């Protein structure tokens, strides 16, 4: 997800993105939406298959280990 999309999503849940970095902003969005704040944890067995940040989050996890 591009940063402009992340900023727009942040605004839609009442967060002022200001100068927050992407990871900080995504975590703030996850918290505001009531989800587990887990962005960037690189868990290959992440159960949140419908998370809109999933592809950005698990980029560092080898394909062979992903669900």
Protein backbone atom coordinates (compact mmCIF):
# COMPACT_ATOMS: atom_id res chain seq x y z
CA UNK A 1 0.00 0.00 0.00
CA UNK A 2 1.38 3.38 -0.97
CA UNK A 3 1.98 5.99 1.74
CA UNK A 4 -0.72 8.24 0.28
CA UNK A 5 -3.21 5.40 0.75
CA UNK A 6 -2.04 4.81 4.31
CA UNK A 7 -2.45 8.53 5.09
CA UNK A 8 -5.96 8.52 3.64
CA UNK A 9 -6.89 5.45 5.71
CA UNK A 10 -5.45 7.13 8.82
CA UNK A 11 -7.57 10.21 8.23
CA UNK A 12 -10.65 8.03 7.73
CA UNK A 13 -10.24 6.63 11.27
CA UNK A 14 -9.51 10.02 12.83
CA UNK A 15 -5.72 9.97 12.93
CA UNK A 16 -3.68 12.99 11.87
CA UNK A 17 -0.76 11.40 10.00
CA UNK A 18 1.47 14.45 10.37
CA UNK A 19 5.05 13.31 9.83
CA UNK A 20 4.57 9.77 11.10
CA UNK A 21 6.52 7.07 9.32
CA UNK A 22 4.60 4.32 7.56
CA UNK A 23 5.12 1.66 10.24
CA UNK A 24 4.06 4.04 13.03
CA UNK A 25 1.01 5.10 11.07
CA UNK A 26 -0.08 1.55 10.26
CA UNK A 27 0.26 0.56 13.93
CA UNK A 28 -1.82 3.59 14.95
CA UNK A 29 -4.48 2.59 12.40
CA UNK A 30 -4.50 -1.01 13.65
CA UNK A 31 -4.95 0.22 17.23
CA UNK A 32 -7.71 2.69 16.26
CA UNK A 33 -9.57 -0.07 14.43
CA UNK A 34 -9.32 -2.42 17.43
CA UNK A 35 -6.93 -4.88 15.82
CA UNK A 36 -3.76 -6.37 17.23
CA UNK A 37 -0.89 -3.97 16.68
CA UNK A 38 1.38 -6.33 14.79
CA UNK A 39 2.55 -4.55 11.63
CA UNK A 40 6.13 -5.45 10.76
CA UNK A 41 6.33 -8.46 13.05
CA UNK A 42 7.08 -10.60 9.97
CA UNK A 43 5.18 -13.59 11.28
CA UNK A 44 4.99 -16.13 8.45
CA UNK A 45 1.92 -17.70 10.04
CA UNK A 46 -0.04 -14.45 10.38
CA UNK A 47 -3.72 -15.35 10.77
CA UNK A 48 -4.99 -11.99 9.48
CA UNK A 49 -5.38 -12.95 5.83
CA UNK A 50 -7.83 -10.11 5.16
CA UNK A 51 -5.60 -7.36 6.60
CA UNK A 52 -5.13 -4.56 4.09
CA UNK A 53 -1.50 -4.14 5.23
CA UNK A 54 -0.61 -7.84 4.94
CA UNK A 55 1.47 -7.65 1.75
CA UNK A 56 3.57 -4.78 3.14
CA UNK A 57 3.95 -6.51 6.47
CA UNK A 58 5.14 -9.92 5.30
CA UNK A 59 7.41 -8.76 2.48
CA UNK A 60 10.40 -9.77 4.60
CA UNK A 61 9.12 -13.29 5.18
CA UNK A 62 10.30 -15.87 2.65
CA UNK A 63 7.51 -17.07 0.33
CA UNK A 64 8.06 -20.68 1.40
CA UNK A 65 7.10 -19.79 5.00
CA UNK A 66 3.95 -17.79 4.26
CA UNK A 67 0.45 -19.12 4.75
